[in-house]
Amino acid sequence: MKYEMYRFINQLFIRYSGGPQVLDEAIQSHQKLKEIVQSLFVGEQASSLPQDLVAAIDRVIDRLRLTHPSGENYSADALSLDVLSILAKKDDRLFLPYIAPLLAGYRHFAADAVGGAKPRVQEELMSLISWETILSAPEGLQSIIAPKLQTLEQEADRKGQELSAAMSEYHKFLDSQQLRQAQAAEAIANAEKQLADAGHAFEQKATEFEDRNQQIDSNIRQLRADLDAQVARFGTGAARKLWGKREKQSRFALVASSIAIFFLIAAPILGAICFTPEVLHYLAQIVAASSLPTTDTTGQVLPAPNDTQITIAAIGRLMIVTVPVFLYIWAIRLVVRFNSRSLMLLDDARLRLTMLDTFFHLIEKEGAVKEDRALVLNALFRPGPGHGDNVDPPNFTELVTKAMGSTPGK
């Protein structure tokens, strides 16, 4: 505690004596200091000294309210209002150095035995008692001690300034370190964010690259399938051309035989309708030519024919009519059989061409491989209808199922 602080505390704490009004004045002075402290340190959590000071003021006020008079007069520990006006003008930063000396003053002057247990307050209390002891000593002793104390005080001030400068440097260094730590934390956060973004971008690129590779592999497989199909087409082009030619021939034969059948059936009917008199006259001539004569060339009547002659005449008339009809029907039957054969060959040629086209399509769609060519060749070059062993042709559905079942990876 400096001498100026001691003088301030010594002038602040005073004692009133007098009637009952001195108690009210003393209580009001302490209450005013309490209001100043509470207004400056409301909710203060950094230090408990302001709270200790308020508690000490409350204890002194409670004791004053219980004070009894000595005779008719009262004696009360009070605070100087003039000195309090100086404290009222200070802010919390300037008021803070006065808290510990005030607690020491309450301990020494106001007999507050509870407060002042903290080391800072004990130090101020000892300094206060030392100053009071020095000032109460004789003048000769003061002249010896005062210069020493002044020197110690100056040294203490210098050490305090050095300590303050060191603390200031320390706080600057601490602020610098905190700033660097904050910058490092921010840099680390940015780096982590950039790394996360880069990882996400890499995952997206990897996914896109994998999808692109799969698409390329699919395109390569499709190109290979198309190439295999083209090679298969090229290898079986001659066979397809021959069976195509066979299909055209069978179609032509079918159309021609169908037209011939139509005319063979429709011609007699149309001829009989359009040339009915001529047909009847021709039939009458045939009947007359095959009948037995009843007169000779001279006009003489011939005897009646016997049964043998009648039978021979009837057979002759029958042969003349039935033989041409039989031959005509036999010709129609031959044309119909040729028509049926043409239809069957046309269907067979179309089936073989369909097998080839289906096999090419399966190769393009990777539904079959070149090893399945034997199945197609067996179905393609099997004996034609009506040739070879009388066995059923291969089932086309079974052929396609076997070809699809032999696909790689299935």
Protein backbone atom coordinates (compact mmCIF):
# COMPACT_ATOMS: atom_id res chain seq x y z
CA MET A 1 0.00 0.00 0.00
CA LYS A 2 1.42 3.36 -0.99
CA TYR A 3 1.35 6.35 1.26
CA GLU A 4 -1.33 8.01 -0.88
CA MET A 5 -3.55 4.95 -0.54
CA TYR A 6 -2.94 4.89 3.23
CA ARG A 7 -3.89 8.56 3.48
CA PHE A 8 -7.04 7.86 1.47
CA ILE A 9 -8.12 4.93 3.65
CA ASN A 10 -7.20 6.84 6.82
CA GLN A 11 -9.33 9.80 5.74
CA LEU A 12 -12.22 7.58 4.59
CA PHE A 13 -12.83 5.75 7.87
CA ILE A 14 -13.97 8.16 10.61
CA ARG A 15 -15.88 7.84 13.88
CA TYR A 16 -19.09 9.69 14.76
CA SER A 17 -20.20 10.44 18.30
CA GLY A 18 -23.48 11.95 19.34
CA GLY A 19 -27.17 11.31 19.42
CA PRO A 20 -29.16 8.56 17.67
CA GLN A 21 -28.81 10.39 14.33
CA VAL A 22 -25.14 9.44 14.10
CA LEU A 23 -26.14 5.78 13.63
CA ASP A 24 -28.33 6.66 10.66
CA GLU A 25 -25.58 8.79 9.13
CA ALA A 26 -23.00 6.03 9.60
CA ILE A 27 -25.33 3.39 8.11
CA GLN A 28 -26.13 5.67 5.13
CA SER A 29 -22.40 6.20 4.47
CA HIS A 30 -21.73 2.46 4.38
CA GLN A 31 -24.87 1.94 2.28
CA LYS A 32 -23.61 4.48 -0.25
CA LEU A 33 -20.28 2.61 -0.62
CA LYS A 34 -22.23 -0.63 -1.08
CA GLU A 35 -24.29 0.96 -3.86
CA ILE A 36 -21.12 2.20 -5.59
CA VAL A 37 -19.56 -1.28 -5.49
CA GLN A 38 -22.71 -3.02 -6.69
CA SER A 39 -23.19 -0.54 -9.54
CA LEU A 40 -19.65 -1.13 -10.79
CA PHE A 41 -19.39 -4.90 -10.27
CA VAL A 42 -22.86 -6.28 -10.98
CA GLY A 43 -22.51 -10.00 -11.77
CA GLU A 44 -18.72 -9.83 -11.47
CA GLN A 45 -17.28 -13.35 -11.72
CA ALA A 46 -13.57 -12.69 -12.35
CA SER A 47 -12.76 -11.90 -8.69
CA SER A 48 -14.54 -12.46 -5.37
CA LEU A 49 -13.07 -9.33 -3.73
CA PRO A 50 -16.06 -7.10 -4.66
CA GLN A 51 -18.39 -9.69 -3.13
CA ASP A 52 -16.23 -9.86 0.01
CA LEU A 53 -16.37 -6.07 0.28
CA VAL A 54 -20.17 -6.04 0.01
CA ALA A 55 -20.37 -8.78 2.66
CA ALA A 56 -18.09 -6.78 4.98
CA ILE A 57 -20.26 -3.66 4.49
CA ASP A 58 -23.39 -5.65 5.33
CA ARG A 59 -21.81 -7.02 8.52
CA VAL A 60 -20.78 -3.54 9.67
CA ILE A 61 -24.29 -2.19 8.90
CA ASP A 62 -25.90 -5.03 10.88
CA ARG A 63 -23.58 -4.37 13.82
CA LEU A 64 -24.35 -0.64 13.74
CA ARG A 65 -28.07 -1.36 13.89
CA LEU A 66 -27.48 -3.36 17.06
CA THR A 67 -25.27 -0.70 18.68
CA HIS A 68 -26.35 0.47 22.16
CA PRO A 69 -25.62 3.97 23.52
CA SER A 70 -22.95 4.61 26.14
CA GLY A 71 -24.93 6.75 28.49
CA GLU A 72 -26.89 9.07 26.20
CA ASN A 73 -24.38 9.19 23.31
CA TYR A 74 -23.63 6.78 20.49
CA SER A 75 -20.23 5.99 18.97
CA ALA A 76 -20.29 4.66 15.37
CA ASP A 77 -17.72 3.81 12.67
CA ALA A 78 -18.66 5.75 9.56
CA LEU A 79 -17.28 6.77 6.14
CA SER A 80 -16.43 10.29 5.03
CA LEU A 81 -18.92 11.48 2.40
CA ASP A 82 -16.34 13.76 0.80
CA VAL A 83 -13.95 10.87 0.27
CA LEU A 84 -16.82 8.66 -0.97
CA SER A 85 -17.59 11.28 -3.62
CA ILE A 86 -14.09 10.63 -5.01
CA LEU A 87 -14.82 6.89 -5.27
CA ALA A 88 -18.19 7.54 -6.90
CA LYS A 89 -16.41 9.24 -9.85
CA LYS A 90 -14.25 6.20 -10.67
CA ASP A 91 -15.09 3.41 -13.12
CA ASP A 92 -14.65 -0.28 -12.42
CA ARG A 93 -11.09 -0.36 -13.80
CA LEU A 94 -9.93 2.51 -11.57
CA PHE A 95 -11.97 1.33 -8.60
CA LEU A 96 -10.56 -2.19 -8.60
CA PRO A 97 -7.20 -1.28 -6.85
CA TYR A 98 -9.19 0.21 -3.91
CA ILE A 99 -11.07 -2.99 -3.04
CA ALA A 100 -8.32 -4.80 -1.11
CA PRO A 101 -7.32 -1.62 0.85
CA LEU A 102 -11.01 -1.02 1.67
CA LEU A 103 -11.31 -4.57 3.04
CA ALA A 104 -8.15 -3.95 5.11
CA GLY A 105 -9.69 -0.68 6.34
CA TYR A 106 -12.90 -2.45 7.38
CA ARG A 107 -10.80 -5.05 9.18
CA HIS A 108 -8.66 -2.46 10.97
CA PHE A 109 -10.93 0.55 11.50
CA ALA A 110 -14.42 -1.03 11.56
CA ALA A 111 -13.37 -4.15 13.49
CA ASP A 112 -14.70 -6.58 10.86
CA ALA A 113 -13.09 -9.80 12.14
CA VAL A 114 -14.65 -12.05 9.43
CA GLY A 115 -13.35 -10.40 6.27
CA GLY A 116 -9.76 -9.97 5.19
CA ALA A 117 -8.74 -13.63 5.05
CA LYS A 118 -7.33 -13.46 1.52
CA PRO A 119 -3.55 -12.96 1.08
CA ARG A 120 -3.98 -9.71 -0.83
CA VAL A 121 -6.12 -8.26 1.94
CA GLN A 122 -3.68 -9.50 4.61
CA GLU A 123 -0.84 -7.77 2.76
CA GLU A 124 -2.77 -4.50 2.60
CA LEU A 125 -3.70 -4.83 6.27
CA MET A 126 -0.05 -5.25 7.28
CA SER A 127 0.93 -2.30 5.12
CA LEU A 128 -1.83 -0.21 6.66
CA ILE A 129 -0.69 -1.08 10.20
CA SER A 130 2.94 -0.38 9.24
CA TRP A 131 2.09 3.06 7.90
CA GLU A 132 0.05 3.83 10.96
CA THR A 133 2.91 2.69 13.24
CA ILE A 134 5.47 4.75 11.35
CA LEU A 135 3.36 7.89 11.37
CA SER A 136 2.66 7.52 15.08
CA ALA A 137 6.40 7.21 15.94
CA PRO A 138 8.53 10.13 17.15
CA GLU A 139 9.80 12.57 14.51
CA GLY A 140 13.46 11.42 14.84
CA LEU A 141 12.51 7.85 14.10
CA GLN A 142 10.33 8.96 11.22
CA SER A 143 13.24 10.84 9.67
CA ILE A 144 15.27 7.62 9.67
CA ILE A 145 12.55 5.21 8.49
CA ALA A 146 10.80 7.48 5.99
CA PRO A 147 13.70 7.61 3.44
CA LYS A 148 14.11 3.84 3.67
CA LEU A 149 10.44 3.32 3.10
CA GLN A 150 10.44 5.79 0.24
CA THR A 151 13.37 3.91 -1.32
CA LEU A 152 11.59 0.59 -0.83
CA GLU A 153 8.43 2.07 -2.24
CA GLN A 154 10.25 3.38 -5.31
CA GLU A 155 11.93 0.00 -5.76
CA ALA A 156 8.58 -1.68 -5.37
CA ASP A 157 7.09 0.70 -7.94
CA ARG A 158 9.93 -0.06 -10.33
CA LYS A 159 9.53 -3.80 -9.82
CA GLY A 160 5.81 -3.39 -10.26
CA GLN A 161 6.31 -1.52 -13.53
CA GLU A 162 8.74 -4.19 -14.71
CA LEU A 163 6.29 -6.86 -13.68
CA SER A 164 3.52 -4.94 -15.44
CA ALA A 165 5.67 -4.65 -18.57
CA ALA A 166 6.53 -8.34 -18.37
CA MET A 167 2.85 -9.20 -17.92
CA SER A 168 2.02 -6.96 -20.86
CA GLU A 169 4.60 -8.76 -23.00
CA TYR A 170 3.30 -12.06 -21.74
CA HIS A 171 -0.26 -11.11 -22.63
CA LYS A 172 0.91 -9.95 -26.06
CA PHE A 173 2.76 -13.22 -26.54
CA LEU A 174 -0.29 -15.12 -25.30
CA ASP A 175 -2.55 -13.17 -27.67
CA SER A 176 -0.10 -13.87 -30.50
CA GLN A 177 -0.09 -17.56 -29.65
CA GLN A 178 -3.87 -17.63 -29.48
CA LEU A 179 -4.05 -15.84 -32.82
CA ARG A 180 -1.63 -18.34 -34.34
CA GLN A 181 -3.57 -21.21 -32.83
CA ALA A 182 -6.79 -19.78 -34.23
CA GLN A 183 -5.16 -19.33 -37.64
CA ALA A 184 -3.74 -22.86 -37.46
CA ALA A 185 -7.15 -24.24 -36.46
CA GLU A 186 -8.78 -22.32 -39.30
CA ALA A 187 -6.11 -23.57 -41.74
CA ILE A 188 -6.61 -27.13 -40.50
CA ALA A 189 -10.40 -26.79 -40.87
CA ASN A 190 -9.97 -25.39 -44.40
CA ALA A 191 -7.53 -28.17 -45.24
CA GLU A 192 -9.92 -30.80 -43.89
CA LYS A 193 -12.78 -29.25 -45.87
CA GLN A 194 -10.66 -29.14 -49.02
CA LEU A 195 -9.56 -32.72 -48.41
CA ALA A 196 -13.19 -33.80 -47.91
CA ASP A 197 -14.22 -31.95 -51.08
CA ALA A 198 -11.31 -33.50 -52.96
CA GLY A 199 -12.25 -36.95 -51.66
CA HIS A 200 -15.86 -36.42 -52.69
CA ALA A 201 -14.78 -35.20 -56.12
CA PHE A 202 -12.43 -38.19 -56.44
CA GLU A 203 -15.25 -40.58 -55.54
CA GLN A 204 -17.48 -38.95 -58.14
CA LYS A 205 -14.72 -39.14 -60.76
CA ALA A 206 -14.04 -42.76 -59.84
CA THR A 207 -17.73 -43.58 -60.14
CA GLU A 208 -17.93 -41.80 -63.49
CA PHE A 209 -14.76 -43.56 -64.65
CA GLU A 210 -16.17 -46.93 -63.59
CA ASP A 211 -19.46 -46.21 -65.38
CA ARG A 212 -17.54 -45.10 -68.46
CA ASN A 213 -15.41 -48.26 -68.36
CA GLN A 214 -18.53 -50.36 -68.08
CA GLN A 215 -20.05 -48.48 -71.02
CA ILE A 216 -16.85 -48.96 -73.03
CA ASP A 217 -16.78 -52.67 -72.16
CA SER A 218 -20.42 -52.95 -73.17
CA ASN A 219 -19.69 -51.17 -76.46
CA ILE A 220 -16.69 -53.43 -77.08
CA ARG A 221 -18.78 -56.52 -76.41
CA GLN A 222 -21.49 -55.19 -78.71
CA LEU A 223 -18.93 -54.47 -81.44
CA ARG A 224 -17.51 -57.95 -81.05
CA ALA A 225 -21.02 -59.40 -81.22
CA ASP A 226 -21.76 -57.36 -84.34
CA LEU A 227 -18.46 -58.50 -85.85
CA ASP A 228 -19.24 -62.13 -85.04
CA ALA A 229 -22.67 -61.68 -86.56
CA GLN A 230 -21.17 -60.16 -89.71
CA VAL A 231 -18.61 -62.98 -89.90
CA ALA A 232 -21.39 -65.53 -89.46
CA ARG A 233 -23.43 -63.79 -92.15
CA PHE A 234 -20.43 -63.77 -94.45
CA GLY A 235 -19.70 -67.45 -93.77
CA THR A 236 -23.30 -68.51 -94.37
CA GLY A 237 -24.07 -65.95 -97.05
CA ALA A 238 -23.90 -68.51 -99.84
CA ALA A 239 -26.25 -70.87 -98.00
CA ARG A 240 -28.69 -68.02 -97.31
CA LYS A 241 -28.53 -66.97 -100.94
CA LEU A 242 -29.24 -70.53 -102.14
CA TRP A 243 -32.11 -70.99 -99.73
CA GLY A 244 -33.45 -67.58 -100.73
CA LYS A 245 -33.34 -68.67 -104.32
CA ARG A 246 -35.05 -71.92 -103.31
CA GLU A 247 -37.75 -69.91 -101.58
CA LYS A 248 -38.37 -67.82 -104.69
CA GLN A 249 -38.59 -70.95 -106.86
CA SER A 250 -41.01 -72.60 -104.47
CA ARG A 251 -43.11 -69.43 -104.32
CA PHE A 252 -43.22 -69.26 -108.14
CA ALA A 253 -44.12 -72.94 -108.37
CA LEU A 254 -46.84 -72.49 -105.74
CA VAL A 255 -48.33 -69.51 -107.52
CA ALA A 256 -48.17 -71.23 -110.93
CA SER A 257 -49.69 -74.48 -109.66
CA SER A 258 -52.42 -72.58 -107.80
CA ILE A 259 -53.33 -70.75 -111.02
CA ALA A 260 -53.24 -74.06 -112.96
CA ILE A 261 -55.54 -75.72 -110.39
CA PHE A 262 -57.93 -72.81 -110.63
CA PHE A 263 -58.09 -73.00 -114.43
CA LEU A 264 -58.33 -76.81 -114.47
CA ILE A 265 -61.31 -76.68 -112.15
CA ALA A 266 -62.94 -73.56 -113.47
CA ALA A 267 -62.44 -74.22 -117.24
CA PRO A 268 -64.87 -77.20 -117.60
CA ILE A 269 -67.49 -75.43 -115.56
CA LEU A 270 -67.18 -72.21 -117.55
CA GLY A 271 -67.06 -74.19 -120.85
CA ALA A 272 -70.22 -76.11 -119.97
CA ILE A 273 -71.98 -72.90 -119.05
CA CYS A 274 -70.82 -70.86 -122.00
CA PHE A 275 -71.01 -73.62 -124.67
CA THR A 276 -73.92 -75.72 -123.48
CA PRO A 277 -75.48 -76.45 -126.97
CA GLU A 278 -72.16 -77.44 -128.47
CA VAL A 279 -71.37 -79.68 -125.51
CA LEU A 280 -74.76 -81.38 -125.69
CA HIS A 281 -74.42 -81.83 -129.46
CA TYR A 282 -70.95 -83.32 -128.99
CA LEU A 283 -72.24 -85.72 -126.39
CA ALA A 284 -75.13 -86.69 -128.61
CA GLN A 285 -72.67 -87.45 -131.41
CA ILE A 286 -70.60 -89.58 -129.06
CA VAL A 287 -73.70 -91.49 -127.96
CA ALA A 288 -74.84 -91.97 -131.54
CA ALA A 289 -71.44 -93.16 -132.62
CA SER A 290 -71.27 -95.72 -129.81
CA SER A 291 -74.87 -97.03 -130.37
CA LEU A 292 -75.70 -100.24 -132.36
CA PRO A 293 -77.07 -99.60 -135.89
CA THR A 294 -80.70 -100.54 -136.52
CA THR A 295 -80.47 -100.41 -140.37
CA ASP A 296 -77.81 -101.18 -142.87
CA THR A 297 -76.38 -98.98 -145.55
CA THR A 298 -79.22 -99.89 -148.00
CA GLY A 299 -81.87 -98.99 -145.44
CA GLN A 300 -82.85 -102.52 -144.61
CA VAL A 301 -83.82 -103.10 -140.96
CA LEU A 302 -81.31 -105.18 -139.10
CA PRO A 303 -82.31 -107.86 -136.65
CA ALA A 304 -82.49 -106.94 -132.96
CA PRO A 305 -79.06 -107.04 -131.17
CA ASN A 306 -78.36 -109.70 -128.62
CA ASP A 307 -77.22 -109.15 -125.04
CA THR A 308 -73.53 -109.35 -125.87
CA GLN A 309 -73.80 -106.67 -128.47
CA ILE A 310 -75.77 -104.46 -126.10
CA THR A 311 -73.15 -104.92 -123.35
CA ILE A 312 -70.29 -104.13 -125.71
CA ALA A 313 -72.07 -101.03 -126.91
CA ALA A 314 -72.69 -99.82 -123.33
CA ILE A 315 -69.07 -100.39 -122.37
CA GLY A 316 -67.95 -98.48 -125.42
CA ARG A 317 -70.15 -95.51 -124.56
CA LEU A 318 -68.85 -95.63 -120.96
CA MET A 319 -65.22 -95.77 -122.02
CA ILE A 320 -65.65 -92.86 -124.36
CA VAL A 321 -66.98 -90.70 -121.49
CA THR A 322 -65.09 -91.93 -118.41
CA VAL A 323 -61.56 -92.26 -119.80
CA PRO A 324 -61.22 -88.54 -120.64
CA VAL A 325 -62.79 -87.60 -117.33
CA PHE A 326 -60.41 -89.92 -115.42
CA LEU A 327 -57.39 -88.55 -117.23
CA TYR A 328 -58.52 -84.98 -116.49
CA ILE A 329 -59.00 -85.71 -112.80
CA TRP A 330 -55.61 -87.44 -112.65
CA ALA A 331 -53.98 -84.35 -114.18
CA ILE A 332 -55.69 -82.14 -111.58
CA ARG A 333 -54.44 -84.49 -108.84
CA LEU A 334 -50.88 -84.18 -110.11
CA VAL A 335 -51.11 -80.41 -110.15
CA VAL A 336 -52.55 -80.39 -106.61
CA ARG A 337 -49.72 -82.60 -105.35
CA PHE A 338 -47.21 -80.29 -107.04
CA ASN A 339 -48.92 -77.33 -105.36
CA SER A 340 -48.75 -79.00 -101.94
CA ARG A 341 -45.09 -79.87 -102.48
CA SER A 342 -44.33 -76.26 -103.49
CA LEU A 343 -46.09 -74.94 -100.37
CA MET A 344 -44.16 -77.36 -98.15
CA LEU A 345 -40.82 -76.46 -99.77
CA LEU A 346 -41.64 -72.75 -99.44
CA ASP A 347 -42.34 -73.14 -95.71
CA ASP A 348 -39.18 -75.19 -95.27
CA ALA A 349 -37.05 -72.56 -97.05
CA ARG A 350 -38.60 -69.78 -94.99
CA LEU A 351 -37.98 -71.75 -91.77
CA ARG A 352 -34.31 -72.24 -92.64
CA LEU A 353 -33.91 -68.53 -93.47
CA THR A 354 -35.63 -67.64 -90.20
CA MET A 355 -33.20 -69.89 -88.33
CA LEU A 356 -30.27 -68.08 -89.94
CA ASP A 357 -31.65 -64.62 -89.16
CA THR A 358 -32.45 -65.62 -85.58
CA PHE A 359 -28.93 -67.00 -85.10
CA PHE A 360 -27.43 -63.75 -86.42
CA HIS A 361 -29.67 -61.73 -84.09
CA LEU A 362 -28.69 -63.87 -81.09
CA ILE A 363 -25.02 -63.33 -81.88
CA GLU A 364 -25.55 -59.54 -82.10
CA LYS A 365 -27.35 -59.54 -78.72
CA GLU A 366 -24.77 -61.88 -77.16
CA GLY A 367 -27.41 -64.56 -76.84
CA ALA A 368 -25.34 -67.15 -78.68
CA VAL A 369 -21.72 -67.86 -79.49
CA LYS A 370 -19.96 -69.31 -82.50
CA GLU A 371 -19.85 -72.72 -80.83
CA ASP A 372 -23.64 -72.89 -81.31
CA ARG A 373 -23.14 -72.91 -85.09
CA ALA A 374 -23.37 -76.72 -85.14
CA LEU A 375 -26.97 -76.50 -83.92
CA VAL A 376 -27.82 -74.09 -86.71
CA LEU A 377 -26.01 -76.17 -89.34
CA ASN A 378 -27.82 -79.35 -88.21
CA ALA A 379 -31.15 -77.58 -88.47
CA LEU A 380 -30.22 -75.83 -91.72
CA PHE A 381 -28.91 -78.85 -93.62
CA ARG A 382 -31.31 -81.50 -92.38
CA PRO A 383 -33.04 -83.61 -95.04
CA GLY A 384 -35.76 -81.81 -96.87
CA PRO A 385 -39.43 -82.74 -96.62
CA GLY A 386 -40.03 -86.18 -98.14
CA HIS A 387 -36.32 -87.08 -98.28
CA GLY A 388 -34.18 -89.26 -96.04
CA ASP A 389 -35.47 -90.95 -92.89
CA ASN A 390 -39.03 -90.29 -91.97
CA VAL A 391 -38.23 -88.26 -88.81
CA ASP A 392 -39.60 -84.99 -87.54
CA PRO A 393 -37.48 -81.89 -88.19
CA PRO A 394 -35.69 -80.28 -85.20
CA ASN A 395 -37.86 -78.16 -82.93
CA PHE A 396 -37.04 -74.47 -83.66
CA THR A 397 -37.99 -73.36 -80.13
CA GLU A 398 -35.69 -75.99 -78.64
CA LEU A 399 -32.93 -74.79 -80.96
CA VAL A 400 -33.26 -71.17 -79.75
CA THR A 401 -33.41 -72.30 -76.10
CA LYS A 402 -30.21 -74.33 -76.44
CA ALA A 403 -28.48 -71.43 -78.18
CA MET A 404 -29.47 -68.98 -75.43
CA GLY A 405 -28.56 -71.47 -72.71
CA SER A 406 -24.99 -71.77 -74.01
CA THR A 407 -24.34 -68.03 -73.64
CA PRO A 408 -21.11 -67.34 -71.69
CA GLY A 409 -21.63 -66.33 -68.09
CA LYS A 410 -25.09 -67.85 -67.85
